[in-house]
C-alpha atoms as a PDB file:
ATOM      1  CA  MET A   1      -0.039  -0.118   0.030  1.00  0.00           C
ATOM      2  CA  ILE A   2       2.906   2.384   0.719  1.00  0.00           C
ATOM      3  CA  LEU A   3       4.376   1.687  -2.554  1.00  0.00           C
ATOM      4  CA  ASN A   4       1.571   2.145  -4.267  1.00  0.00           C
ATOM      5  CA  LYS A   5       1.121   5.385  -2.502  1.00  0.00           C
ATOM      6  CA  TYR A   6       4.504   6.566  -3.640  1.00  0.00           C
ATOM      7  CA  ILE A   7       4.114   5.451  -7.384  1.00  0.00           C
ATOM      8  CA  LYS A   8       0.757   7.435  -7.485  1.00  0.00           C
ATOM      9  CA  GLY A   9       2.312  10.714  -6.190  1.00  0.00           C
ATOM     10  CA  GLY A  10       5.271  10.227  -8.568  1.00  0.00           C
ATOM     11  CA  VAL A  11       3.114   9.746 -11.487  1.00  0.00           C
ATOM     12  CA  LEU A  12       1.151  13.000 -10.322  1.00  0.00           C
ATOM     13  CA  LEU A  13       4.540  14.944  -9.874  1.00  0.00           C
ATOM     14  CA  VAL A  14       5.848  13.896 -13.756  1.00  0.00           C
ATOM     15  CA  CYS A  15       1.948  15.052 -15.205  1.00  0.00           C
ATOM     16  CA  ILE A  16       2.428  18.373 -13.149  1.00  0.00           C
ATOM     17  CA  LEU A  17       5.864  19.139 -14.560  1.00  0.00           C
ATOM     18  CA  LEU A  18       4.613  18.210 -18.163  1.00  0.00           C
ATOM     19  CA  LEU A  19       1.893  20.487 -17.885  1.00  0.00           C
ATOM     20  CA  ALA A  20       3.912  23.298 -16.699  1.00  0.00           C
ATOM     21  CA  SER A  21       6.548  22.700 -19.587  1.00  0.00           C
ATOM     22  CA  CYS A  22       3.847  22.625 -22.340  1.00  0.00           C
ATOM     23  CA  SER A  23       2.336  25.826 -20.744  1.00  0.00           C
ATOM     24  CA  GLY A  24       5.733  27.647 -20.747  1.00  0.00           C
ATOM     25  CA  SER A  25       6.546  27.028 -24.074  1.00  0.00           C
ATOM     26  CA  SER A  26       3.328  27.712 -26.322  1.00  0.00           C
ATOM     27  CA  GLY A  27       1.059  30.102 -24.135  1.00  0.00           C
ATOM     28  CA  GLY A  28       1.673  33.619 -22.835  1.00  0.00           C
ATOM     29  CA  GLY A  29       0.834  35.501 -25.906  1.00  0.00           C
ATOM     30  CA  SER A  30       4.580  35.454 -26.802  1.00  0.00           C
ATOM     31  CA  ASP A  31       5.509  37.816 -30.104  1.00  0.00           C
ATOM     32  CA  ASP A  32       8.463  35.471 -30.763  1.00  0.00           C
ATOM     33  CA  ASP A  33       8.271  34.276 -34.284  1.00  0.00           C
ATOM     34  CA  GLY A  34      10.723  31.873 -34.255  1.00  0.00           C
ATOM     35  CA  GLY A  35      13.559  33.710 -36.087  1.00  0.00           C
ATOM     36  CA  VAL A  36      11.589  33.421 -39.359  1.00  0.00           C
ATOM     37  CA  THR A  37      12.175  36.065 -41.921  1.00  0.00           C
ATOM     38  CA  PRO A  38       9.065  36.467 -44.595  1.00  0.00           C
ATOM     39  CA  PRO A  39      10.380  36.292 -48.095  1.00  0.00           C
ATOM     40  CA  ASP A  40      11.039  39.367 -50.243  1.00  0.00           C
ATOM     41  CA  PRO A  41       8.050  40.054 -52.508  1.00  0.00           C
ATOM     42  CA  ILE A  42       8.579  38.747 -56.134  1.00  0.00           C
ATOM     43  CA  LEU A  43       8.626  41.840 -58.608  1.00  0.00           C
ATOM     44  CA  PRO A  44       7.699  41.180 -62.037  1.00  0.00           C
ATOM     45  CA  PRO A  45       9.956  42.643 -64.842  1.00  0.00           C
ATOM     46  CA  GLU A  46       9.576  46.112 -66.336  1.00  0.00           C
ATOM     47  CA  ALA A  47       9.478  47.003 -70.190  1.00  0.00           C
ATOM     48  CA  ALA A  48      12.862  47.746 -71.552  1.00  0.00           C
ATOM     49  CA  LEU A  49      13.354  51.184 -73.531  1.00  0.00           C
ATOM     50  CA  LEU A  50      14.448  50.707 -76.998  1.00  0.00           C
ATOM     51  CA  ALA A  51      17.265  52.355 -78.329  1.00  0.00           C
ATOM     52  CA  SER A  52      18.567  51.365 -82.007  1.00  0.00           C
ATOM     53  CA  PRO A  53      17.660  51.139 -84.509  1.00  0.00           C
ATOM     54  CA  ALA A  54      15.704  54.256 -84.204  1.00  0.00           C
ATOM     55  CA  LYS A  55      11.886  54.545 -84.425  1.00  0.00           C
ATOM     56  CA  ASP A  56      10.714  54.922 -88.047  1.00  0.00           C
ATOM     57  CA  GLU A  57      14.667  55.531 -89.196  1.00  0.00           C
ATOM     58  CA  GLU A  58      14.593  55.490 -92.823  1.00  0.00           C
ATOM     59  CA  CYS A  59      18.082  54.855 -93.733  1.00  0.00           C
ATOM     60  CA  ASN A  60      19.214  52.360 -91.397  1.00  0.00           C
ATOM     61  CA  GLN A  61      22.122  50.148 -93.274  1.00  0.00           C
ATOM     62  CA  GLY A  62      24.128  48.527 -90.396  1.00  0.00           C
ATOM     63  CA  ASN A  63      27.230  46.735 -91.960  1.00  0.00           C
ATOM     64  CA  ILE A  64      26.805  45.738 -95.163  1.00  0.00           C
ATOM     65  CA  VAL A  65      27.455  42.159 -96.259  1.00  0.00           C
ATOM     66  CA  SER A  66      26.079  42.026 -99.773  1.00  0.00           C
ATOM     67  CA  VAL A  67      23.541  43.735-102.056  1.00  0.00           C
ATOM     68  CA  THR A  68      20.740  42.020-100.128  1.00  0.00           C
ATOM     69  CA  GLN A  69      22.113  41.739 -96.868  1.00  0.00           C
ATOM     70  CA  SER A  70      23.301  43.476 -93.736  1.00  0.00           C
ATOM     71  CA  ARG A  71      24.249  43.260 -90.322  1.00  0.00           C
ATOM     72  CA  VAL A  72      22.202  45.485 -87.886  1.00  0.00           C
ATOM     73  CA  THR A  73      22.750  45.620 -84.231  1.00  0.00           C
ATOM     74  CA  PHE A  74      19.525  46.084 -82.170  1.00  0.00           C
ATOM     75  CA  GLN A  75      19.917  47.884 -78.638  1.00  0.00           C
ATOM     76  CA  TRP A  76      17.916  48.830 -75.495  1.00  0.00           C
ATOM     77  CA  ASN A  77      18.198  49.789 -72.102  1.00  0.00           C
ATOM     78  CA  ALA A  78      18.261  47.284 -69.153  1.00  0.00           C
ATOM     79  CA  SER A  79      14.720  46.975 -67.632  1.00  0.00           C
ATOM     80  CA  ALA A  80      14.193  46.273 -63.629  1.00  0.00           C
ATOM     81  CA  ASN A  81      13.769  42.929 -62.154  1.00  0.00           C
ATOM     82  CA  THR A  82      14.868  41.487 -65.553  1.00  0.00           C
ATOM     83  CA  ASN A  83      17.246  38.203 -66.428  1.00  0.00           C
ATOM     84  CA  SER A  84      16.469  37.975 -69.896  1.00  0.00           C
ATOM     85  CA  TYR A  85      15.006  39.101 -72.929  1.00  0.00           C
ATOM     86  CA  THR A  86      13.580  37.985 -76.101  1.00  0.00           C
ATOM     87  CA  HIS A  87      14.089  39.978 -79.297  1.00  0.00           C
ATOM     88  CA  ILE A  88      11.222  39.886 -81.880  1.00  0.00           C
ATOM     89  CA  LEU A  89      12.017  40.860 -85.315  1.00  0.00           C
ATOM     90  CA  LYS A  90       9.179  41.110 -87.908  1.00  0.00           C
ATOM     91  CA  ASN A  91       9.698  41.509 -91.807  1.00  0.00           C
ATOM     92  CA  LEU A  92       6.863  43.531 -92.865  1.00  0.00           C
ATOM     93  CA  ASP A  93       7.020  42.401 -96.314  1.00  0.00           C
ATOM     94  CA  THR A  94       6.492  38.879 -95.453  1.00  0.00           C
ATOM     95  CA  ASP A  95       4.878  38.914 -92.145  1.00  0.00           C
ATOM     96  CA  VAL A  96       7.449  36.698 -90.779  1.00  0.00           C
ATOM     97  CA  SER A  97       8.636  37.019 -87.307  1.00  0.00           C
ATOM     98  CA  THR A  98      11.943  35.718 -85.824  1.00  0.00           C
ATOM     99  CA  GLU A  99      12.966  35.572 -82.004  1.00  0.00           C
ATOM    100  CA  GLN A 100      16.258  35.494 -80.132  1.00  0.00           C
ATOM    101  CA  ASN A 101      16.743  34.852 -76.555  1.00  0.00           C
ATOM    102  CA  THR A 102      19.736  36.868 -74.588  1.00  0.00           C
ATOM    103  CA  ALA A 103      20.707  38.174 -71.275  1.00  0.00           C
ATOM    104  CA  SER A 104      22.433  41.064 -72.817  1.00  0.00           C
ATOM    105  CA  THR A 105      20.861  44.335 -74.036  1.00  0.00           C
ATOM    106  CA  SER A 106      21.799  43.776 -77.757  1.00  0.00           C
ATOM    107  CA  ILE A 107      22.039  41.388 -80.365  1.00  0.00           C
ATOM    108  CA  THR A 108      23.390  41.872 -83.926  1.00  0.00           C
ATOM    109  CA  LEU A 109      21.588  39.917 -86.892  1.00  0.00           C
ATOM    110  CA  THR A 110      21.778  39.654 -90.259  1.00  0.00           C
ATOM    111  CA  ILE A 111      18.785  40.919 -92.071  1.00  0.00           C
ATOM    112  CA  ALA A 112      17.908  41.757 -95.757  1.00  0.00           C
ATOM    113  CA  ARG A 113      18.325  45.144 -97.190  1.00  0.00           C
ATOM    114  CA  ASN A 114      15.408  47.178 -99.010  1.00  0.00           C
ATOM    115  CA  VAL A 115      13.210  45.711 -96.555  1.00  0.00           C
ATOM    116  CA  PRO A 116      10.608  47.661 -93.770  1.00  0.00           C
ATOM    117  CA  TYR A 117      10.669  45.740 -90.212  1.00  0.00           C
ATOM    118  CA  SER A 118       9.503  46.280 -86.775  1.00  0.00           C
ATOM    119  CA  TRP A 119      10.913  45.053 -83.569  1.00  0.00           C
ATOM    120  CA  HIS A 120      10.326  44.696 -79.840  1.00  0.00           C
ATOM    121  CA  VAL A 121      11.652  43.301 -76.620  1.00  0.00           C
ATOM    122  CA  VAL A 122       9.913  40.881 -74.192  1.00  0.00           C
ATOM    123  CA  SER A 123      11.609  41.161 -70.450  1.00  0.00           C
ATOM    124  CA  LYS A 124      11.766  37.984 -68.521  1.00  0.00           C
ATOM    125  CA  SER A 125      12.312  36.999 -65.026  1.00  0.00           C
ATOM    126  CA  ASN A 126      13.601  33.603 -63.493  1.00  0.00           C
ATOM    127  CA  LYS A 127      11.501  34.408 -60.481  1.00  0.00           C
ATOM    128  CA  THR A 128       8.013  34.793 -62.205  1.00  0.00           C
ATOM    129  CA  THR A 129       6.277  33.815 -65.476  1.00  0.00           C
ATOM    130  CA  THR A 130       4.984  37.446 -65.396  1.00  0.00           C
ATOM    131  CA  THR A 131       6.882  39.455 -68.453  1.00  0.00           C
ATOM    132  CA  ALA A 132       6.850  42.699 -69.999  1.00  0.00           C
ATOM    133  CA  LYS A 133       6.583  44.084 -73.413  1.00  0.00           C
ATOM    134  CA  SER A 134       8.508  47.374 -74.710  1.00  0.00           C
ATOM    135  CA  GLU A 135       7.133  49.593 -77.360  1.00  0.00           C
ATOM    136  CA  THR A 136       7.232  48.208 -81.033  1.00  0.00           C
ATOM    137  CA  TRP A 137       9.436  50.341 -83.198  1.00  0.00           C
ATOM    138  CA  LYS A 138       9.596  50.218 -87.088  1.00  0.00           C
ATOM    139  CA  PHE A 139      12.669  50.887 -89.361  1.00  0.00           C
ATOM    140  CA  TYR A 140      13.460  50.505 -93.147  1.00  0.00           C
ATOM    141  CA  ASN A 141      16.762  48.650 -93.510  1.00  0.00           C
ATOM    142  CA  ALA A 142      17.794  50.525 -96.625  1.00  0.00           C
ATOM    143  CA  GLY A 143      19.392  49.141 -99.923  1.00  0.00           C
ATOM    144  CA  GLU A 144      21.262  50.793-102.582  1.00  0.00           C
ATOM    145  CA  GLY A 145      20.063  53.730-104.259  1.00  0.00           C
ATOM    146  CA  VAL A 146      16.835  54.095-102.705  1.00  0.00           C
ATOM    147  CA  GLU A 147      15.095  57.423-103.457  1.00  0.00           C
ATOM    148  CA  ASN A 148      11.521  56.676-102.400  1.00  0.00           C
ATOM    149  CA  TYR A 149      10.530  54.331 -99.352  1.00  0.00           C
ATOM    150  CA  ALA A 150       7.235  52.287 -99.724  1.00  0.00           C
ATOM    151  CA  PRO A 151       4.814  52.897 -96.949  1.00  0.00           C
ATOM    152  CA  PHE A 152       4.887  50.646 -93.856  1.00  0.00           C
ATOM    153  CA  PRO A 153       1.905  47.867 -94.134  1.00  0.00           C
ATOM    154  CA  ALA A 154      -1.281  49.060 -92.499  1.00  0.00           C
ATOM    155  CA  GLU A 155      -1.952  48.401 -89.016  1.00  0.00           C
ATOM    156  CA  LEU A 156      -5.661  46.766 -88.956  1.00  0.00           C
ATOM    157  CA  VAL A 157      -7.316  48.184 -86.037  1.00  0.00           C
ATOM    158  CA  ALA A 158     -11.165  47.090 -85.958  1.00  0.00           C
ATOM    159  CA  PRO A 159     -12.676  44.841 -86.210  1.00  0.00           C
ATOM    160  CA  ALA A 160     -10.113  42.735 -84.255  1.00  0.00           C
ATOM    161  CA  MET A 161      -8.641  39.422 -85.671  1.00  0.00           C
ATOM    162  CA  GLY A 162     -11.215  36.494 -84.992  1.00  0.00           C
ATOM    163  CA  SER A 163     -13.992  38.902 -83.310  1.00  0.00           C
ATOM    164  CA  THR A 164     -17.641  38.946 -83.746  1.00  0.00           C
ATOM    165  CA  VAL A 165     -19.328  42.015 -84.640  1.00  0.00           C
ATOM    166  CA  PRO A 166     -23.094  43.248 -85.152  1.00  0.00           C
ATOM    167  CA  SER A 167     -23.846  44.868 -88.653  1.00  0.00           C
ATOM    168  CA  PRO A 168     -23.287  47.262 -90.020  1.00  0.00           C
ATOM    169  CA  VAL A 169     -19.492  47.283 -89.414  1.00  0.00           C
ATOM    170  CA  THR A 170     -16.897  49.872 -89.195  1.00  0.00           C
ATOM    171  CA  LEU A 171     -13.491  49.275 -90.614  1.00  0.00           C
ATOM    172  CA  SER A 172     -10.599  50.989 -89.373  1.00  0.00           C
ATOM    173  CA  TRP A 173      -6.836  51.015 -89.644  1.00  0.00           C
ATOM    174  CA  SER A 174      -3.522  52.995 -89.129  1.00  0.00           C
ATOM    175  CA  GLY A 175      -1.048  53.952 -92.050  1.00  0.00           C
ATOM    176  CA  SER A 176       2.647  55.484 -91.634  1.00  0.00           C
ATOM    177  CA  ASP A 177       5.381  56.134 -94.375  1.00  0.00           C
ATOM    178  CA  ILE A 178       8.918  57.467 -93.796  1.00  0.00           C
ATOM    179  CA  ASP A 179       8.489  59.694 -96.742  1.00  0.00           C
ATOM    180  CA  ASN A 180       4.914  61.018 -95.284  1.00  0.00           C
ATOM    181  CA  ASP A 181       3.570  60.782 -98.922  1.00  0.00           C
ATOM    182  CA  ILE A 182       0.666  58.384 -98.252  1.00  0.00           C
ATOM    183  CA  ALA A 183      -2.030  58.655-101.256  1.00  0.00           C
ATOM    184  CA  SER A 184      -4.363  56.318-100.928  1.00  0.00           C
ATOM    185  CA  TYR A 185      -5.577  53.041 -99.495  1.00  0.00           C
ATOM    186  CA  ASP A 186      -7.391  50.258-101.415  1.00  0.00           C
ATOM    187  CA  VAL A 187      -9.635  48.262 -98.689  1.00  0.00           C
ATOM    188  CA  TYR A 188     -10.454  44.724 -99.759  1.00  0.00           C
ATOM    189  CA  LEU A 189     -13.257  42.827 -98.208  1.00  0.00           C
ATOM    190  CA  ASP A 190     -14.677  39.256 -99.094  1.00  0.00           C
ATOM    191  CA  THR A 191     -15.679  35.855 -97.609  1.00  0.00           C
ATOM    192  CA  ALA A 192     -12.870  34.538 -99.465  1.00  0.00           C
ATOM    193  CA  ASN A 193      -9.335  34.284 -97.924  1.00  0.00           C
ATOM    194  CA  PRO A 194      -7.642  36.161 -99.063  1.00  0.00           C
ATOM    195  CA  PRO A 195     -10.082  38.822 -99.929  1.00  0.00           C
ATOM    196  CA  THR A 196      -9.856  40.030-103.713  1.00  0.00           C
ATOM    197  CA  THR A 197     -12.839  42.271-103.774  1.00  0.00           C
ATOM    198  CA  LEU A 198     -11.950  45.848-103.819  1.00  0.00           C
ATOM    199  CA  HIS A 199     -14.619  47.556-101.689  1.00  0.00           C
ATOM    200  CA  GLU A 200     -13.337  50.983-101.434  1.00  0.00           C
ATOM    201  CA  ASN A 201     -10.267  53.398-102.642  1.00  0.00           C
ATOM    202  CA  THR A 202      -9.889  55.949 -99.770  1.00  0.00           C
ATOM    203  CA  THR A 203      -7.768  58.588 -98.298  1.00  0.00           C
ATOM    204  CA  ASN A 204      -9.311  57.943 -94.757  1.00  0.00           C
ATOM    205  CA  THR A 205      -8.223  55.304 -92.439  1.00  0.00           C
ATOM    206  CA  SER A 206     -11.660  54.120 -91.731  1.00  0.00           C
ATOM    207  CA  ILE A 207     -14.963  52.985 -93.546  1.00  0.00           C
ATOM    208  CA  ASN A 208     -18.190  53.355 -91.737  1.00  0.00           C
ATOM    209  CA  ASN A 209     -21.508  51.683 -92.008  1.00  0.00           C
ATOM    210  CA  ILE A 210     -21.024  48.674 -94.278  1.00  0.00           C
ATOM    211  CA  ALA A 211     -24.063  46.479 -94.362  1.00  0.00           C
ATOM    212  CA  LEU A 212     -22.798  42.916 -94.315  1.00  0.00           C
ATOM    213  CA  ASN A 213     -24.811  39.579 -94.234  1.00  0.00           C
ATOM    214  CA  ALA A 214     -25.561  38.059 -90.718  1.00  0.00           C
ATOM    215  CA  ASP A 215     -23.566  35.032 -89.497  1.00  0.00           C
ATOM    216  CA  THR A 216     -20.787  35.371 -91.868  1.00  0.00           C
ATOM    217  CA  VAL A 217     -17.203  35.089 -91.900  1.00  0.00           C
ATOM    218  CA  TYR A 218     -15.373  38.036 -93.847  1.00  0.00           C
ATOM    219  CA  TYR A 219     -11.918  38.732 -94.511  1.00  0.00           C
ATOM    220  CA  TRP A 220     -10.273  42.145 -95.333  1.00  0.00           C
ATOM    221  CA  ARG A 221      -7.004  43.646 -95.856  1.00  0.00           C
ATOM    222  CA  VAL A 222      -5.458  47.079 -96.860  1.00  0.00           C
ATOM    223  CA  VAL A 223      -3.252  47.966 -99.496  1.00  0.00           C
ATOM    224  CA  THR A 224      -1.194  51.397 -98.756  1.00  0.00           C
ATOM    225  CA  THR A 225      -0.005  53.254-101.990  1.00  0.00           C
ATOM    226  CA  ASP A 226       2.229  56.356-101.797  1.00  0.00           C
ATOM    227  CA  GLU A 227       2.694  59.276-104.135  1.00  0.00           C
ATOM    228  CA  SER A 228       5.359  57.512-106.246  1.00  0.00           C
ATOM    229  CA  ASP A 229       3.065  54.400-106.560  1.00  0.00           C
ATOM    230  CA  SER A 230       4.730  52.267-104.074  1.00  0.00           C
ATOM    231  CA  ASN A 231       2.662  50.034-101.962  1.00  0.00           C
ATOM    232  CA  SER A 232       2.458  47.771 -99.260  1.00  0.00           C
ATOM    233  CA  GLN A 233      -0.067  44.998 -97.958  1.00  0.00           C
ATOM    234  CA  SER A 234      -1.584  44.749 -94.618  1.00  0.00           C
ATOM    235  CA  GLN A 235      -1.980  41.235 -93.052  1.00  0.00           C
ATOM    236  CA  VAL A 236      -5.472  39.623 -93.761  1.00  0.00           C
ATOM    237  CA  PHE A 237      -7.985  40.011 -90.659  1.00  0.00           C
ATOM    238  CA  GLU A 238     -10.973  37.544 -90.104  1.00  0.00           C
ATOM    239  CA  PHE A 239     -14.092  38.601 -88.457  1.00  0.00           C
ATOM    240  CA  ARG A 240     -17.971  37.064 -88.176  1.00  0.00           C
ATOM    241  CA  THR A 241     -20.956  39.250 -88.326  1.00  0.00           C
ATOM    242  CA  GLU A 242     -23.939  38.309 -85.830  1.00  0.00           C
END
């Protein structure tokens, strides 16, 4: 009986000590965060500022390789929170784009002469999938003895590619020319791709209130002509009427 009494007393003492230990380690509203430092916020990359070739430059030549090609260096300013860049160059005559990845703020490419181009840069970070796109600049990579430059292909604005719109429809676009001598626009609109029906020749950059059939897919493009009779063709856009 005495032994059992001592055993019970010992068990009771151990329980009291364990409760006191738990209370001291977890209670009391301590402000101690265990020394864990919160992670720094992940900042998305910022858009790069383009430097050269200059915007709308008309006589860029770079280092001439041959009658048909030259090497051109593209440069831009470093953007914050960025580890690498994707340089996108588009041949505006063929509408073909090429992409190059680099950790630098410049890249040198061999490209065709006597051809209009556009280019931009996408900033990327190793810490996030968010990216940032720079402005898009156009330039003309000059050839030999060019006295007049063809206009840049018109940029189709509305209806947007693949959109569904009510009838009547308004077509709008923007045009630009290094020589600043755009004479007119030929607007082609058709249910065939590419469109071959000339809808209107105009000096404006929009055509309003075009009555079209309902629930029909249409294709359209714009041919820009300057005062020297040089011309360029836009992309073909499609849209559906409601």
